[in-house]
Amino acid sequence: YFPTLTVDQKQLLYTRRVGDIRSGNAQEDFFVSTDQNGYWSSGEPMPRNINTAFNEGAPTYAPDGRTLIFVGCAIDRVGYGEGRRGYGSCDLFITQKVGNLWLDPINLPGGVNSQHWETQPSLSADGKTLYFIRGPVKGTGARNTRNGDIYVSKLQEDGSWSVAVKLPDNINTPKAECSVLIHPDGQTLYFSSNG
């Protein structure tokens, strides 16, 4: 689920639940499939510095396919895993591909992450505007999309992201908005709502 394509449509990155779901030992990792003459290859897991024993999900590629923003979620009293630091139950992380290697992800710099639950990012085609869902504070149904709203942040000249701003009430309702996607035209926003 949560598939994302590179702009050239040659790589498909998606989230897969792995492990034993029935025992409660399942978690989420990223898998990549490549277009091979019109056929998609079998999905291969992302490297272990991206995929951890914790949950990673809902990725979005930058236009060049070499920057990835995704959601990492903490486990109570354990954290986000592998040296990652965060602010809330789920935060947005960023990594870049240098040559053929993905750098270790870091918490998205700037004003996006908070004590709230940040998830489901969608990056604009120019790579300068980030839409995402912000949910309740941890301990108030943080993994529940009830009352989730769409926020937007802009890339700053120093590489950090501006303080996130909630979209207006003609988009966000008193109920849940989720699965936000900014169209490549930069003018059309798709999302789900039960409001």
N, C-alpha and C. Protein backbone atom coordinates (compact mmCIF):
# COMPACT_ATOMS: atom_id res chain seq x y z
N TYR A 1 0.84 -1.19 0.00
CA TYR A 1 0.00 0.00 0.00
C TYR A 1 0.88 1.25 0.00
N PHE A 2 0.25 2.43 -0.13
CA PHE A 2 0.94 3.71 -0.24
C PHE A 2 2.03 3.69 -1.31
N PRO A 3 1.68 3.39 -2.57
CA PRO A 3 2.69 3.38 -3.62
C PRO A 3 3.08 4.80 -4.04
N THR A 4 4.34 4.94 -4.50
CA THR A 4 4.80 6.20 -5.08
C THR A 4 5.75 5.87 -6.22
N LEU A 5 5.66 6.66 -7.28
CA LEU A 5 6.48 6.46 -8.48
C LEU A 5 7.50 7.58 -8.62
N THR A 6 8.66 7.26 -9.20
CA THR A 6 9.57 8.31 -9.62
C THR A 6 8.93 9.02 -10.82
N VAL A 7 9.37 10.25 -11.09
CA VAL A 7 8.77 11.03 -12.17
C VAL A 7 8.92 10.32 -13.51
N ASP A 8 10.05 9.62 -13.73
CA ASP A 8 10.24 8.90 -14.99
C ASP A 8 9.44 7.60 -15.04
N GLN A 9 8.73 7.29 -13.96
CA GLN A 9 7.87 6.11 -13.84
C GLN A 9 8.62 4.79 -14.01
N LYS A 10 9.89 4.79 -13.61
CA LYS A 10 10.71 3.59 -13.74
C LYS A 10 10.87 2.83 -12.42
N GLN A 11 10.60 3.50 -11.29
CA GLN A 11 10.69 2.84 -9.99
C GLN A 11 9.41 3.06 -9.20
N LEU A 12 8.92 1.97 -8.62
CA LEU A 12 7.74 1.99 -7.78
C LEU A 12 8.18 1.61 -6.36
N LEU A 13 7.91 2.50 -5.43
CA LEU A 13 8.23 2.25 -4.03
C LEU A 13 6.91 2.12 -3.28
N TYR A 14 6.81 1.11 -2.43
CA TYR A 14 5.56 0.88 -1.71
C TYR A 14 5.84 0.31 -0.33
N THR A 15 4.82 0.31 0.51
CA THR A 15 4.89 -0.21 1.87
C THR A 15 4.33 -1.62 1.89
N ARG A 16 5.02 -2.49 2.60
CA ARG A 16 4.54 -3.87 2.76
C ARG A 16 4.56 -4.22 4.23
N ARG A 17 3.52 -4.86 4.71
CA ARG A 17 3.50 -5.37 6.09
C ARG A 17 4.20 -6.73 6.06
N VAL A 18 5.20 -6.86 6.91
CA VAL A 18 5.98 -8.09 6.96
C VAL A 18 5.93 -8.68 8.37
N GLY A 19 6.22 -9.95 8.49
CA GLY A 19 6.19 -10.61 9.79
C GLY A 19 4.88 -11.34 9.99
N ASP A 20 4.69 -11.84 11.18
CA ASP A 20 3.51 -12.64 11.52
C ASP A 20 2.40 -11.73 12.05
N ILE A 21 1.45 -11.43 11.22
CA ILE A 21 0.35 -10.53 11.56
C ILE A 21 -0.49 -11.12 12.69
N ARG A 22 -0.74 -12.43 12.66
CA ARG A 22 -1.59 -13.07 13.66
C ARG A 22 -1.01 -13.00 15.07
N SER A 23 0.32 -13.06 15.17
CA SER A 23 0.94 -13.03 16.49
C SER A 23 1.17 -11.61 16.99
N GLY A 24 0.91 -10.63 16.13
CA GLY A 24 1.15 -9.24 16.50
C GLY A 24 2.59 -8.82 16.29
N ASN A 25 3.39 -9.66 15.60
CA ASN A 25 4.79 -9.34 15.34
C ASN A 25 5.01 -8.81 13.93
N ALA A 26 4.01 -8.18 13.38
CA ALA A 26 4.14 -7.62 12.04
C ALA A 26 4.57 -6.16 12.13
N GLN A 27 5.28 -5.71 11.12
CA GLN A 27 5.66 -4.31 11.01
C GLN A 27 5.75 -3.96 9.53
N GLU A 28 6.04 -2.70 9.23
CA GLU A 28 6.01 -2.22 7.85
C GLU A 28 7.40 -1.87 7.36
N ASP A 29 7.68 -2.25 6.11
CA ASP A 29 8.94 -1.94 5.44
C ASP A 29 8.66 -1.48 4.01
N PHE A 30 9.71 -0.90 3.39
CA PHE A 30 9.61 -0.45 1.99
C PHE A 30 10.16 -1.50 1.05
N PHE A 31 9.50 -1.62 -0.09
CA PHE A 31 9.96 -2.48 -1.18
C PHE A 31 9.97 -1.66 -2.46
N VAL A 32 10.90 -2.00 -3.37
CA VAL A 32 11.07 -1.28 -4.62
C VAL A 32 10.94 -2.25 -5.78
N SER A 33 10.18 -1.84 -6.78
CA SER A 33 10.05 -2.59 -8.02
C SER A 33 10.48 -1.67 -9.16
N THR A 34 11.15 -2.22 -10.17
CA THR A 34 11.59 -1.41 -11.31
C THR A 34 10.91 -1.88 -12.59
N ASP A 35 10.68 -0.92 -13.47
CA ASP A 35 10.08 -1.21 -14.77
C ASP A 35 11.15 -1.84 -15.66
N GLN A 36 10.87 -3.05 -16.12
CA GLN A 36 11.79 -3.75 -17.00
C GLN A 36 11.05 -4.05 -18.29
N ASN A 37 11.17 -3.11 -19.24
CA ASN A 37 10.50 -3.22 -20.55
C ASN A 37 9.00 -3.43 -20.42
N GLY A 38 8.38 -2.66 -19.55
CA GLY A 38 6.92 -2.71 -19.40
C GLY A 38 6.43 -3.70 -18.38
N TYR A 39 7.30 -4.44 -17.72
CA TYR A 39 6.93 -5.38 -16.68
C TYR A 39 7.61 -4.97 -15.38
N TRP A 40 6.88 -5.07 -14.29
CA TRP A 40 7.44 -4.69 -12.99
C TRP A 40 8.16 -5.87 -12.37
N SER A 41 9.39 -5.62 -11.91
CA SER A 41 10.18 -6.67 -11.26
C SER A 41 9.56 -7.02 -9.91
N SER A 42 9.97 -8.17 -9.37
CA SER A 42 9.56 -8.52 -8.01
C SER A 42 10.09 -7.47 -7.05
N GLY A 43 9.30 -7.14 -6.05
CA GLY A 43 9.70 -6.13 -5.08
C GLY A 43 10.90 -6.57 -4.26
N GLU A 44 11.88 -5.67 -4.12
CA GLU A 44 13.06 -5.91 -3.31
C GLU A 44 13.03 -4.95 -2.12
N PRO A 45 13.41 -5.41 -0.93
CA PRO A 45 13.39 -4.51 0.23
C PRO A 45 14.43 -3.41 0.10
N MET A 46 14.11 -2.24 0.65
CA MET A 46 15.08 -1.16 0.74
C MET A 46 16.20 -1.60 1.69
N PRO A 47 17.36 -0.92 1.65
CA PRO A 47 18.46 -1.30 2.54
C PRO A 47 18.09 -1.20 4.02
N ARG A 48 18.87 -1.89 4.87
CA ARG A 48 18.57 -1.97 6.30
C ARG A 48 18.73 -0.63 7.02
N ASN A 49 19.43 0.34 6.46
CA ASN A 49 19.46 1.65 7.12
C ASN A 49 18.17 2.42 6.87
N ILE A 50 17.37 2.00 5.91
CA ILE A 50 16.04 2.59 5.66
C ILE A 50 14.99 1.74 6.36
N ASN A 51 14.93 0.46 6.02
CA ASN A 51 14.02 -0.48 6.69
C ASN A 51 14.63 -0.89 8.01
N THR A 52 13.87 -0.73 9.08
CA THR A 52 14.33 -1.14 10.40
C THR A 52 13.38 -2.20 10.95
N ALA A 53 13.61 -2.60 12.17
CA ALA A 53 12.70 -3.53 12.84
C ALA A 53 11.44 -2.81 13.31
N PHE A 54 11.36 -1.50 13.03
CA PHE A 54 10.21 -0.68 13.40
C PHE A 54 9.41 -0.37 12.14
N ASN A 55 8.36 0.44 12.28
CA ASN A 55 7.50 0.73 11.14
C ASN A 55 8.01 1.90 10.30
N GLU A 56 8.15 1.66 8.99
CA GLU A 56 8.35 2.71 8.00
C GLU A 56 7.21 2.60 7.01
N GLY A 57 6.69 3.74 6.57
CA GLY A 57 5.58 3.67 5.63
C GLY A 57 5.31 4.97 4.92
N ALA A 58 4.35 4.93 4.02
CA ALA A 58 3.81 6.11 3.32
C ALA A 58 4.91 6.98 2.72
N PRO A 59 5.71 6.45 1.77
CA PRO A 59 6.80 7.23 1.21
C PRO A 59 6.35 8.22 0.13
N THR A 60 7.17 9.24 -0.11
CA THR A 60 6.99 10.14 -1.25
C THR A 60 8.37 10.47 -1.79
N TYR A 61 8.53 10.35 -3.11
CA TYR A 61 9.78 10.66 -3.78
C TYR A 61 9.85 12.14 -4.14
N ALA A 62 11.06 12.69 -4.12
CA ALA A 62 11.32 13.98 -4.76
C ALA A 62 11.35 13.72 -6.27
N PRO A 63 11.22 14.79 -7.08
CA PRO A 63 11.14 14.60 -8.53
C PRO A 63 12.31 13.82 -9.13
N ASP A 64 13.51 13.98 -8.56
CA ASP A 64 14.68 13.28 -9.11
C ASP A 64 14.79 11.83 -8.68
N GLY A 65 13.93 11.37 -7.78
CA GLY A 65 13.97 10.00 -7.30
C GLY A 65 15.14 9.71 -6.38
N ARG A 66 15.84 10.76 -5.95
CA ARG A 66 17.02 10.58 -5.11
C ARG A 66 16.83 11.14 -3.70
N THR A 67 15.66 11.66 -3.43
CA THR A 67 15.30 12.11 -2.08
C THR A 67 13.99 11.44 -1.73
N LEU A 68 13.91 10.94 -0.52
CA LEU A 68 12.74 10.21 -0.07
C LEU A 68 12.32 10.75 1.29
N ILE A 69 11.04 11.10 1.41
CA ILE A 69 10.45 11.50 2.69
C ILE A 69 9.44 10.41 3.05
N PHE A 70 9.49 9.97 4.30
CA PHE A 70 8.62 8.86 4.71
C PHE A 70 8.27 8.99 6.18
N VAL A 71 7.36 8.13 6.62
CA VAL A 71 6.90 8.12 8.01
C VAL A 71 7.65 7.02 8.77
N GLY A 72 8.15 7.39 9.94
CA GLY A 72 8.72 6.42 10.88
C GLY A 72 7.95 6.53 12.18
N CYS A 73 7.56 5.40 12.72
CA CYS A 73 6.77 5.41 13.96
C CYS A 73 7.54 4.78 15.11
N ALA A 74 7.36 5.34 16.28
CA ALA A 74 8.05 4.88 17.48
C ALA A 74 7.25 3.77 18.16
N ILE A 75 7.97 2.96 18.87
CA ILE A 75 7.36 1.97 19.75
C ILE A 75 7.57 2.47 21.17
N ASP A 76 6.52 2.43 21.98
CA ASP A 76 6.60 2.94 23.35
C ASP A 76 7.83 2.44 24.08
N ARG A 77 8.52 3.33 24.75
CA ARG A 77 9.69 3.07 25.57
C ARG A 77 10.89 2.54 24.79
N VAL A 78 10.78 2.42 23.48
CA VAL A 78 11.90 1.93 22.67
C VAL A 78 12.36 3.00 21.69
N GLY A 79 11.42 3.75 21.13
CA GLY A 79 11.76 4.81 20.19
C GLY A 79 11.57 4.41 18.75
N TYR A 80 12.29 5.11 17.87
CA TYR A 80 12.14 4.94 16.42
C TYR A 80 13.11 3.93 15.84
N GLY A 81 14.09 3.49 16.65
CA GLY A 81 15.05 2.50 16.21
C GLY A 81 16.27 3.07 15.53
N GLU A 82 17.33 2.30 15.56
CA GLU A 82 18.59 2.58 14.86
C GLU A 82 19.04 4.03 14.91
N GLY A 83 19.04 4.64 16.09
CA GLY A 83 19.57 5.98 16.26
C GLY A 83 18.67 7.11 15.79
N ARG A 84 17.47 6.80 15.34
CA ARG A 84 16.55 7.86 14.89
C ARG A 84 15.93 8.55 16.09
N ARG A 85 15.72 9.83 15.94
CA ARG A 85 15.10 10.65 17.00
C ARG A 85 13.82 11.26 16.45
N GLY A 86 12.82 11.41 17.33
CA GLY A 86 11.56 11.99 16.90
C GLY A 86 10.91 12.78 18.01
N TYR A 87 9.74 13.33 17.68
CA TYR A 87 9.01 14.22 18.60
C TYR A 87 7.67 13.66 19.04
N GLY A 88 7.03 12.86 18.19
CA GLY A 88 5.69 12.35 18.48
C GLY A 88 5.63 10.86 18.21
N SER A 89 4.47 10.30 18.09
CA SER A 89 4.36 8.87 17.87
C SER A 89 4.84 8.48 16.48
N CYS A 90 4.55 9.31 15.49
CA CYS A 90 5.01 9.11 14.11
C CYS A 90 5.53 10.44 13.58
N ASP A 91 6.70 10.42 12.98
CA ASP A 91 7.33 11.62 12.42
C ASP A 91 7.71 11.38 10.97
N LEU A 92 7.99 12.47 10.26
CA LEU A 92 8.49 12.38 8.90
C LEU A 92 10.01 12.41 8.92
N PHE A 93 10.61 11.52 8.13
CA PHE A 93 12.06 11.41 8.02
C PHE A 93 12.45 11.62 6.56
N ILE A 94 13.71 11.99 6.35
CA ILE A 94 14.20 12.24 5.00
C ILE A 94 15.53 11.52 4.81
N THR A 95 15.74 11.01 3.60
CA THR A 95 17.00 10.40 3.22
C THR A 95 17.30 10.77 1.77
N GLN A 96 18.57 10.70 1.41
CA GLN A 96 18.97 11.00 0.04
C GLN A 96 19.85 9.88 -0.48
N LYS A 97 19.77 9.68 -1.80
CA LYS A 97 20.59 8.66 -2.46
C LYS A 97 21.82 9.34 -3.04
N VAL A 98 22.99 8.88 -2.62
CA VAL A 98 24.26 9.39 -3.14
C VAL A 98 24.93 8.23 -3.87
N GLY A 99 25.11 8.38 -5.16
CA GLY A 99 25.56 7.24 -5.96
C GLY A 99 24.49 6.18 -5.94
N ASN A 100 24.85 4.99 -5.47
CA ASN A 100 23.86 3.91 -5.36
C ASN A 100 23.46 3.62 -3.93
N LEU A 101 23.87 4.49 -2.99
CA LEU A 101 23.61 4.24 -1.57
C LEU A 101 22.67 5.29 -0.99
N TRP A 102 21.72 4.83 -0.18
CA TRP A 102 20.84 5.73 0.56
C TRP A 102 21.50 6.10 1.88
N LEU A 103 21.55 7.39 2.19
CA LEU A 103 22.09 7.86 3.46
C LEU A 103 21.17 7.48 4.61
N ASP A 104 21.71 7.45 5.82
CA ASP A 104 20.88 7.19 6.98
C ASP A 104 19.81 8.28 7.12
N PRO A 105 18.56 7.92 7.29
CA PRO A 105 17.49 8.92 7.41
C PRO A 105 17.64 9.77 8.67
N ILE A 106 17.20 11.02 8.56
CA ILE A 106 17.15 11.92 9.71
C ILE A 106 15.74 12.48 9.83
N ASN A 107 15.41 12.94 11.03
CA ASN A 107 14.13 13.60 11.25
C ASN A 107 14.07 14.82 10.32
N LEU A 108 12.97 15.00 9.63
CA LEU A 108 12.83 16.09 8.66
C LEU A 108 13.13 17.42 9.35
N PRO A 109 14.16 18.15 8.90
CA PRO A 109 14.54 19.39 9.59
C PRO A 109 13.51 20.50 9.39
N GLY A 110 13.32 21.29 10.43
CA GLY A 110 12.41 22.43 10.35
C GLY A 110 11.17 22.26 11.20
N GLY A 111 10.06 22.83 10.71
CA GLY A 111 8.85 22.95 11.52
C GLY A 111 7.71 22.03 11.19
N VAL A 112 7.99 20.84 10.67
CA VAL A 112 6.92 19.91 10.33
C VAL A 112 6.57 18.99 11.50
N ASN A 113 7.56 18.29 12.02
CA ASN A 113 7.30 17.32 13.07
C ASN A 113 7.02 18.00 14.40
N SER A 114 6.17 17.34 15.19
CA SER A 114 5.72 17.90 16.46
C SER A 114 5.39 16.75 17.40
N GLN A 115 4.78 17.05 18.53
CA GLN A 115 4.32 16.00 19.43
C GLN A 115 3.12 15.26 18.86
N HIS A 116 2.56 15.78 17.76
CA HIS A 116 1.43 15.14 17.08
C HIS A 116 1.93 13.99 16.21
N TRP A 117 0.98 13.34 15.58
CA TRP A 117 1.23 12.21 14.68
C TRP A 117 1.28 12.77 13.27
N GLU A 118 2.47 12.79 12.63
CA GLU A 118 2.62 13.26 11.25
C GLU A 118 2.76 12.05 10.33
N THR A 119 2.02 12.05 9.22
CA THR A 119 1.99 10.88 8.35
C THR A 119 1.57 11.26 6.92
N GLN A 120 1.66 10.29 6.03
CA GLN A 120 1.15 10.35 4.66
C GLN A 120 1.63 11.59 3.89
N PRO A 121 2.95 11.78 3.75
CA PRO A 121 3.46 12.95 3.03
C PRO A 121 3.26 12.85 1.53
N SER A 122 3.12 13.99 0.89
CA SER A 122 3.06 14.08 -0.57
C SER A 122 3.85 15.31 -0.99
N LEU A 123 4.90 15.09 -1.76
CA LEU A 123 5.80 16.16 -2.18
C LEU A 123 5.41 16.66 -3.56
N SER A 124 5.40 17.97 -3.73
CA SER A 124 5.05 18.57 -5.02
C SER A 124 6.10 18.22 -6.08
N ALA A 125 5.73 18.36 -7.35
CA ALA A 125 6.62 18.01 -8.45
C ALA A 125 7.90 18.84 -8.47
N ASP A 126 7.85 20.07 -7.95
CA ASP A 126 9.07 20.87 -7.90
C ASP A 126 9.89 20.61 -6.64
N GLY A 127 9.39 19.74 -5.74
CA GLY A 127 10.12 19.37 -4.55
C GLY A 127 10.16 20.44 -3.47
N LYS A 128 9.32 21.48 -3.59
CA LYS A 128 9.40 22.61 -2.66
C LYS A 128 8.21 22.74 -1.72
N THR A 129 7.17 21.94 -1.92
CA THR A 129 5.98 22.01 -1.07
C THR A 129 5.62 20.61 -0.62
N LEU A 130 5.40 20.47 0.67
CA LEU A 130 5.09 19.17 1.26
C LEU A 130 3.73 19.23 1.93
N TYR A 131 2.82 18.36 1.50
CA TYR A 131 1.52 18.20 2.15
C TYR A 131 1.59 16.92 2.98
N PHE A 132 0.90 16.89 4.10
CA PHE A 132 0.90 15.71 4.95
C PHE A 132 -0.31 15.76 5.87
N ILE A 133 -0.53 14.66 6.59
CA ILE A 133 -1.62 14.56 7.57
C ILE A 133 -1.04 14.68 8.96
N ARG A 134 -1.67 15.50 9.78
CA ARG A 134 -1.30 15.59 11.20
C ARG A 134 -2.50 15.10 12.01
N GLY A 135 -2.23 14.15 12.89
CA GLY A 135 -3.29 13.60 13.74
C GLY A 135 -3.15 14.07 15.17
N PRO A 136 -3.86 13.42 16.07
CA PRO A 136 -3.86 13.84 17.48
C PRO A 136 -2.51 13.61 18.16
N VAL A 137 -2.37 14.20 19.33
CA VAL A 137 -1.18 14.00 20.15
C VAL A 137 -1.16 12.56 20.65
N LYS A 138 0.04 12.01 20.79
CA LYS A 138 0.19 10.65 21.32
C LYS A 138 -0.59 10.51 22.63
N GLY A 139 -1.26 9.37 22.76
CA GLY A 139 -2.04 9.12 23.97
C GLY A 139 -3.49 9.56 23.81
N THR A 140 -3.81 10.20 22.67
CA THR A 140 -5.20 10.60 22.42
C THR A 140 -5.70 9.97 21.12
N GLY A 141 -5.25 8.75 20.87
CA GLY A 141 -5.63 8.07 19.63
C GLY A 141 -4.67 8.39 18.52
N ALA A 142 -3.40 8.49 18.82
CA ALA A 142 -2.39 8.96 17.87
C ALA A 142 -2.34 8.15 16.58
N ARG A 143 -2.62 6.88 16.64
CA ARG A 143 -2.57 6.08 15.42
C ARG A 143 -3.95 5.98 14.76
N ASN A 144 -4.87 6.71 15.26
CA ASN A 144 -6.21 6.71 14.70
C ASN A 144 -6.36 7.97 13.86
N THR A 145 -6.83 7.83 12.63
CA THR A 145 -6.94 8.99 11.76
C THR A 145 -8.15 9.87 12.06
N ARG A 146 -8.92 9.56 13.11
CA ARG A 146 -10.00 10.47 13.49
C ARG A 146 -9.41 11.83 13.74
N ASN A 147 -10.01 12.83 13.17
CA ASN A 147 -9.60 14.22 13.35
C ASN A 147 -8.27 14.56 12.70
N GLY A 148 -7.74 13.68 11.83
CA GLY A 148 -6.55 14.04 11.08
C GLY A 148 -6.86 15.16 10.10
N ASP A 149 -5.93 16.08 9.92
CA ASP A 149 -6.11 17.20 9.00
C ASP A 149 -4.91 17.33 8.07
N ILE A 150 -5.12 18.02 6.97
CA ILE A 150 -4.07 18.24 5.98
C ILE A 150 -3.32 19.52 6.32
N TYR A 151 -1.98 19.41 6.34
CA TYR A 151 -1.09 20.54 6.58
C TYR A 151 -0.15 20.70 5.40
N VAL A 152 0.46 21.87 5.30
CA VAL A 152 1.42 22.14 4.23
C VAL A 152 2.64 22.85 4.81
N SER A 153 3.79 22.56 4.24
CA SER A 153 5.05 23.19 4.63
C SER A 153 5.85 23.48 3.37
N LYS A 154 6.67 24.53 3.41
CA LYS A 154 7.48 24.95 2.26
C LYS A 154 8.96 24.74 2.56
N LEU A 155 9.70 24.32 1.56
CA LEU A 155 11.14 24.17 1.68
C LEU A 155 11.80 25.54 1.74
N GLN A 156 12.65 25.74 2.73
CA GLN A 156 13.35 27.01 2.91
C GLN A 156 14.71 26.98 2.21
N GLU A 157 15.31 28.15 2.04
CA GLU A 157 16.60 28.24 1.36
C GLU A 157 17.70 27.46 2.07
N ASP A 158 17.59 27.35 3.40
CA ASP A 158 18.63 26.63 4.15
C ASP A 158 18.42 25.11 4.17
N GLY A 159 17.40 24.61 3.45
CA GLY A 159 17.12 23.18 3.38
C GLY A 159 16.17 22.67 4.44
N SER A 160 15.75 23.54 5.37
CA SER A 160 14.76 23.13 6.37
C SER A 160 13.36 23.40 5.83
N TRP A 161 12.37 22.90 6.55
CA TRP A 161 10.98 23.06 6.15
C TRP A 161 10.30 24.04 7.09
N SER A 162 9.45 24.90 6.53
CA SER A 162 8.76 25.91 7.33
C SER A 162 7.81 25.28 8.33
N VAL A 163 7.40 26.07 9.32
CA VAL A 163 6.38 25.63 10.26
C VAL A 163 5.13 25.26 9.46
N ALA A 164 4.59 24.09 9.74
CA ALA A 164 3.44 23.59 9.00
C ALA A 164 2.20 24.41 9.28
N VAL A 165 1.42 24.63 8.22
CA VAL A 165 0.17 25.39 8.31
C VAL A 165 -0.99 24.49 7.92
N LYS A 166 -2.02 24.50 8.74
CA LYS A 166 -3.24 23.71 8.45
C LYS A 166 -3.97 24.34 7.28
N LEU A 167 -4.42 23.50 6.33
CA LEU A 167 -5.21 24.01 5.21
C LEU A 167 -6.58 24.49 5.72
N PRO A 168 -7.22 25.39 4.97
CA PRO A 168 -8.46 26.01 5.47
C PRO A 168 -9.64 25.04 5.60
N ASP A 169 -10.71 25.56 6.24
CA ASP A 169 -11.88 24.74 6.57
C ASP A 169 -12.69 24.29 5.36
N ASN A 170 -12.46 24.89 4.19
CA ASN A 170 -13.16 24.37 3.01
C ASN A 170 -12.51 23.08 2.51
N ILE A 171 -11.36 22.72 3.10
CA ILE A 171 -10.70 21.44 2.80
C ILE A 171 -10.76 20.54 4.02
N ASN A 172 -10.25 20.99 5.15
CA ASN A 172 -10.31 20.22 6.40
C ASN A 172 -11.68 20.36 7.05
N THR A 173 -12.21 19.23 7.51
CA THR A 173 -13.51 19.21 8.17
C THR A 173 -13.31 18.86 9.64
N PRO A 174 -14.38 18.87 10.46
CA PRO A 174 -14.24 18.42 11.85
C PRO A 174 -13.93 16.92 11.96
N LYS A 175 -14.09 16.18 10.86
CA LYS A 175 -13.77 14.75 10.87
C LYS A 175 -12.42 14.53 10.20
N ALA A 176 -12.16 13.31 9.71
CA ALA A 176 -10.81 12.93 9.26
C ALA A 176 -10.57 13.19 7.79
N GLU A 177 -9.41 13.78 7.51
CA GLU A 177 -8.88 13.85 6.16
C GLU A 177 -7.62 12.98 6.14
N CYS A 178 -7.40 12.28 5.02
CA CYS A 178 -6.21 11.43 4.93
C CYS A 178 -5.86 11.20 3.46
N SER A 179 -4.78 10.46 3.25
CA SER A 179 -4.32 10.04 1.91
C SER A 179 -4.20 11.22 0.96
N VAL A 180 -3.50 12.26 1.38
CA VAL A 180 -3.36 13.46 0.57
C VAL A 180 -2.35 13.22 -0.56
N LEU A 181 -2.63 13.78 -1.74
CA LEU A 181 -1.75 13.69 -2.90
C LEU A 181 -1.83 14.99 -3.69
N ILE A 182 -0.68 15.64 -3.87
CA ILE A 182 -0.63 16.83 -4.72
C ILE A 182 -0.31 16.38 -6.15
N HIS A 183 -1.15 16.76 -7.09
CA HIS A 183 -0.97 16.42 -8.50
C HIS A 183 0.29 17.10 -9.03
N PRO A 184 0.94 16.54 -10.03
CA PRO A 184 2.13 17.20 -10.61
C PRO A 184 1.88 18.61 -11.13
N ASP A 185 0.61 18.98 -11.38
CA ASP A 185 0.35 20.36 -11.83
C ASP A 185 0.49 21.37 -10.71
N GLY A 186 0.62 20.90 -9.47
CA GLY A 186 0.79 21.79 -8.32
C GLY A 186 -0.46 22.55 -7.94
N GLN A 187 -1.58 22.31 -8.62
CA GLN A 187 -2.81 23.06 -8.41
C GLN A 187 -3.97 22.18 -7.96
N THR A 188 -3.82 20.85 -8.09
CA THR A 188 -4.92 19.94 -7.79
C THR A 188 -4.52 19.03 -6.65
N LEU A 189 -5.36 19.02 -5.60
CA LEU A 189 -5.08 18.23 -4.41
C LEU A 189 -6.13 17.13 -4.29
N TYR A 190 -5.68 15.91 -4.17
CA TYR A 190 -6.57 14.77 -3.96
C TYR A 190 -6.43 14.31 -2.51
N PHE A 191 -7.52 13.89 -1.91
CA PHE A 191 -7.47 13.37 -0.55
C PHE A 191 -8.77 12.65 -0.23
N SER A 192 -8.74 11.90 0.86
CA SER A 192 -9.95 11.24 1.37
C SER A 192 -10.46 12.01 2.56
N SER A 193 -11.79 11.96 2.76
CA SER A 193 -12.38 12.63 3.91
C SER A 193 -13.65 11.88 4.31
N ASN A 194 -13.88 11.75 5.62
CA ASN A 194 -15.18 11.24 6.06
C ASN A 194 -16.02 12.38 6.62
N GLY A 195 -15.60 13.61 6.34
CA GLY A 195 -16.39 14.79 6.71
C GLY A 195 -17.29 15.21 5.58
